[in-house]
C-alpha atoms as a PDB file:
ATOM      1  CA  GLN A   1      -5.460 -14.433  11.849  1.00  0.00           C
ATOM      2  CA  VAL A   2      -5.798 -10.953  10.385  1.00  0.00           C
ATOM      3  CA  GLN A   3      -7.465 -10.651   7.003  1.00  0.00           C
ATOM      4  CA  LEU A   4      -6.485  -7.848   4.635  1.00  0.00           C
ATOM      5  CA  VAL A   5      -8.763  -6.447   1.928  1.00  0.00           C
ATOM      6  CA  GLU A   6      -7.299  -3.948  -0.516  1.00  0.00           C
ATOM      7  CA  SER A   7      -9.393  -1.729  -2.772  1.00  0.00           C
ATOM      8  CA  GLY A   8      -9.270   1.417  -4.854  1.00  0.00           C
ATOM      9  CA  GLY A   9      -7.175   0.322  -7.797  1.00  0.00           C
ATOM     10  CA  GLY A  10      -8.057   0.855 -11.430  1.00  0.00           C
ATOM     11  CA  LEU A  11      -6.971   2.212 -14.780  1.00  0.00           C
ATOM     12  CA  VAL A  12      -5.639   5.752 -14.762  1.00  0.00           C
ATOM     13  CA  GLN A  13      -3.803   7.925 -17.252  1.00  0.00           C
ATOM     14  CA  PRO A  14      -0.221   9.042 -16.602  1.00  0.00           C
ATOM     15  CA  GLY A  15      -0.238  11.995 -14.256  1.00  0.00           C
ATOM     16  CA  GLY A  16      -3.451  10.875 -12.615  1.00  0.00           C
ATOM     17  CA  SER A  17      -4.219   9.942  -9.022  1.00  0.00           C
ATOM     18  CA  LEU A  18      -5.674   7.048  -7.097  1.00  0.00           C
ATOM     19  CA  ARG A  19      -6.329   6.392  -3.426  1.00  0.00           C
ATOM     20  CA  LEU A  20      -5.931   2.840  -2.223  1.00  0.00           C
ATOM     21  CA  SER A  21      -7.490   1.507   0.967  1.00  0.00           C
ATOM     22  CA  CYS A  22      -6.677  -1.556   3.019  1.00  0.00           C
ATOM     23  CA  ALA A  23      -9.059  -2.792   5.670  1.00  0.00           C
ATOM     24  CA  ALA A  24      -7.717  -5.184   8.287  1.00  0.00           C
ATOM     25  CA  SER A  25      -9.775  -7.424  10.525  1.00  0.00           C
ATOM     26  CA  GLY A  26      -8.834  -7.898  14.157  1.00  0.00           C
ATOM     27  CA  ARG A  27      -8.253  -5.623  17.107  1.00  0.00           C
ATOM     28  CA  ILE A  28      -4.464  -5.594  17.111  1.00  0.00           C
ATOM     29  CA  PHE A  29      -3.965  -3.615  13.912  1.00  0.00           C
ATOM     30  CA  SER A  30      -2.933  -0.421  15.671  1.00  0.00           C
ATOM     31  CA  ILE A  31       0.209  -1.847  17.278  1.00  0.00           C
ATOM     32  CA  TYR A  32       1.874  -2.778  14.007  1.00  0.00           C
ATOM     33  CA  GLY A  33       3.844  -0.825  11.504  1.00  0.00           C
ATOM     34  CA  MET A  34       2.144  -1.226   8.154  1.00  0.00           C
ATOM     35  CA  GLY A  35       3.291  -1.028   4.584  1.00  0.00           C
ATOM     36  CA  TRP A  36       2.089  -0.841   1.026  1.00  0.00           C
ATOM     37  CA  TYR A  37       3.782  -3.160  -1.407  1.00  0.00           C
ATOM     38  CA  ARG A  38       3.593  -3.670  -5.132  1.00  0.00           C
ATOM     39  CA  GLN A  39       4.479  -6.432  -7.529  1.00  0.00           C
ATOM     40  CA  ALA A  40       4.738  -5.883 -11.248  1.00  0.00           C
ATOM     41  CA  PRO A  41       4.705  -8.823 -13.686  1.00  0.00           C
ATOM     42  CA  GLY A  42       7.997 -10.659 -13.613  1.00  0.00           C
ATOM     43  CA  LYS A  43       9.322  -8.607 -10.724  1.00  0.00           C
ATOM     44  CA  ARG A  44       9.723  -9.153  -7.022  1.00  0.00           C
ATOM     45  CA  ARG A  45       7.323  -7.665  -4.540  1.00  0.00           C
ATOM     46  CA  GLU A  46       8.695  -4.405  -3.174  1.00  0.00           C
ATOM     47  CA  LEU A  47       7.846  -2.229  -0.211  1.00  0.00           C
ATOM     48  CA  VAL A  48       6.986   1.257  -1.457  1.00  0.00           C
ATOM     49  CA  ALA A  49       5.678   2.971   1.676  1.00  0.00           C
ATOM     50  CA  ALA A  50       5.597   2.246   5.396  1.00  0.00           C
ATOM     51  CA  ILE A  51       3.979   3.831   8.425  1.00  0.00           C
ATOM     52  CA  SER A  52       4.798   3.059  12.035  1.00  0.00           C
ATOM     53  CA  SER A  53       2.240   2.571  14.768  1.00  0.00           C
ATOM     54  CA  GLY A  54       2.999   6.138  15.796  1.00  0.00           C
ATOM     55  CA  GLY A  55       2.579   7.570  12.311  1.00  0.00           C
ATOM     56  CA  SER A  56       6.161   7.958  11.111  1.00  0.00           C
ATOM     57  CA  THR A  57       6.492   7.310   7.395  1.00  0.00           C
ATOM     58  CA  ASN A  58       9.105   6.084   4.941  1.00  0.00           C
ATOM     59  CA  TYR A  59       9.034   5.793   1.178  1.00  0.00           C
ATOM     60  CA  ALA A  60      10.945   4.094  -1.563  1.00  0.00           C
ATOM     61  CA  ASP A  61      12.896   6.572  -3.659  1.00  0.00           C
ATOM     62  CA  SER A  62      10.780   5.690  -6.690  1.00  0.00           C
ATOM     63  CA  VAL A  63       7.598   7.057  -5.072  1.00  0.00           C
ATOM     64  CA  LYS A  64       8.921   9.722  -2.717  1.00  0.00           C
ATOM     65  CA  GLY A  65       7.101  12.995  -3.192  1.00  0.00           C
ATOM     66  CA  ARG A  66       4.260  11.339  -5.132  1.00  0.00           C
ATOM     67  CA  PHE A  67       2.770   8.784  -2.725  1.00  0.00           C
ATOM     68  CA  THR A  68       1.471   9.360   0.804  1.00  0.00           C
ATOM     69  CA  ILE A  69       0.707   6.607   3.277  1.00  0.00           C
ATOM     70  CA  SER A  70      -1.649   7.181   6.190  1.00  0.00           C
ATOM     71  CA  ARG A  71      -3.635   5.131   8.672  1.00  0.00           C
ATOM     72  CA  ASP A  72      -6.828   5.332  10.685  1.00  0.00           C
ATOM     73  CA  ASN A  73      -6.472   2.965  13.622  1.00  0.00           C
ATOM     74  CA  ALA A  74     -10.090   3.474  14.686  1.00  0.00           C
ATOM     75  CA  LYS A  75     -11.144   2.038  11.321  1.00  0.00           C
ATOM     76  CA  ASN A  76      -8.345  -0.552  11.078  1.00  0.00           C
ATOM     77  CA  THR A  77      -7.509   0.946   7.706  1.00  0.00           C
ATOM     78  CA  VAL A  78      -4.356   2.086   5.947  1.00  0.00           C
ATOM     79  CA  TYR A  79      -4.390   4.282   2.861  1.00  0.00           C
ATOM     80  CA  LEU A  80      -2.076   5.078  -0.019  1.00  0.00           C
ATOM     81  CA  GLN A  81      -2.641   8.314  -1.890  1.00  0.00           C
ATOM     82  CA  MET A  82      -0.883   8.090  -5.238  1.00  0.00           C
ATOM     83  CA  ASN A  83      -0.377  11.215  -7.309  1.00  0.00           C
ATOM     84  CA  SER A  84       1.507  11.924 -10.537  1.00  0.00           C
ATOM     85  CA  LEU A  85       1.234   8.294 -11.496  1.00  0.00           C
ATOM     86  CA  LYS A  86       3.629   6.861 -14.061  1.00  0.00           C
ATOM     87  CA  PRO A  87       3.376   3.779 -16.264  1.00  0.00           C
ATOM     88  CA  GLU A  88       6.081   2.156 -14.146  1.00  0.00           C
ATOM     89  CA  ASP A  89       3.735   2.319 -11.151  1.00  0.00           C
ATOM     90  CA  THR A  90       1.615  -0.351 -12.821  1.00  0.00           C
ATOM     91  CA  ALA A  91       1.438  -3.338 -10.471  1.00  0.00           C
ATOM     92  CA  VAL A  92      -0.725  -5.242  -8.031  1.00  0.00           C
ATOM     93  CA  TYR A  93      -0.672  -3.363  -4.732  1.00  0.00           C
ATOM     94  CA  HIS A  94      -0.910  -5.078  -1.373  1.00  0.00           C
ATOM     95  CA  CYS A  95      -0.819  -3.949   2.219  1.00  0.00           C
ATOM     96  CA  ASN A  96       0.626  -5.873   5.134  1.00  0.00           C
ATOM     97  CA  LYS A  97       2.815  -5.445   8.165  1.00  0.00           C
ATOM     98  CA  ASP A  98       6.070  -3.641   7.483  1.00  0.00           C
ATOM     99  CA  TRP A  99       8.222  -6.641   6.707  1.00  0.00           C
ATOM    100  CA  THR A 100      11.407  -4.847   7.743  1.00  0.00           C
ATOM    101  CA  ILE A 101      10.296  -5.163  11.365  1.00  0.00           C
ATOM    102  CA  ALA A 102       7.786  -8.040  11.539  1.00  0.00           C
ATOM    103  CA  THR A 103       6.723 -11.155   9.682  1.00  0.00           C
ATOM    104  CA  PRO A 104       3.803 -10.371   7.386  1.00  0.00           C
ATOM    105  CA  TRP A 105       0.358 -11.877   7.779  1.00  0.00           C
ATOM    106  CA  ALA A 106      -1.130 -13.918   4.936  1.00  0.00           C
ATOM    107  CA  TRP A 107      -1.343 -11.737   1.835  1.00  0.00           C
ATOM    108  CA  GLY A 108      -4.685 -10.481   0.580  1.00  0.00           C
ATOM    109  CA  GLN A 109      -5.719 -10.444  -3.074  1.00  0.00           C
ATOM    110  CA  GLY A 110      -4.349  -6.991  -3.665  1.00  0.00           C
ATOM    111  CA  THR A 111      -5.687  -4.336  -5.994  1.00  0.00           C
ATOM    112  CA  GLN A 112      -4.546  -3.801  -9.583  1.00  0.00           C
ATOM    113  CA  VAL A 113      -3.234  -0.384 -10.573  1.00  0.00           C
ATOM    114  CA  THR A 114      -2.703   0.217 -14.277  1.00  0.00           C
ATOM    115  CA  VAL A 115      -1.238   3.479 -15.511  1.00  0.00           C
ATOM    116  CA  SER A 116      -1.658   3.822 -19.242  1.00  0.00           C
ATOM    117  CA  SER A 117      -2.851   6.254 -21.861  1.00  0.00           C
END
């Protein structure tokens, strides 16, 4: 079973930036499309960015132009660069397989992102 460990969250002012990282155990990471998800209090988990095994990317409209997903298969790591952060980006962020194409692994603990002045 693959284990996922997210990091890089924190408290940031509106307009600020953060870079999230997700390290995955196991040797099969590179064959899967991956995604970053977020869940705000009282809301459903949503997929905000996805990257295919070949590097193609897709973004939710709410983050398009502000967030960038990338991956380093040699390090079994996927990243989310978040710029121009808004209070509505506040949520717990998780990474996992892109659930539009494959059943996710067990969810990690996630990393909290809080955007507030």
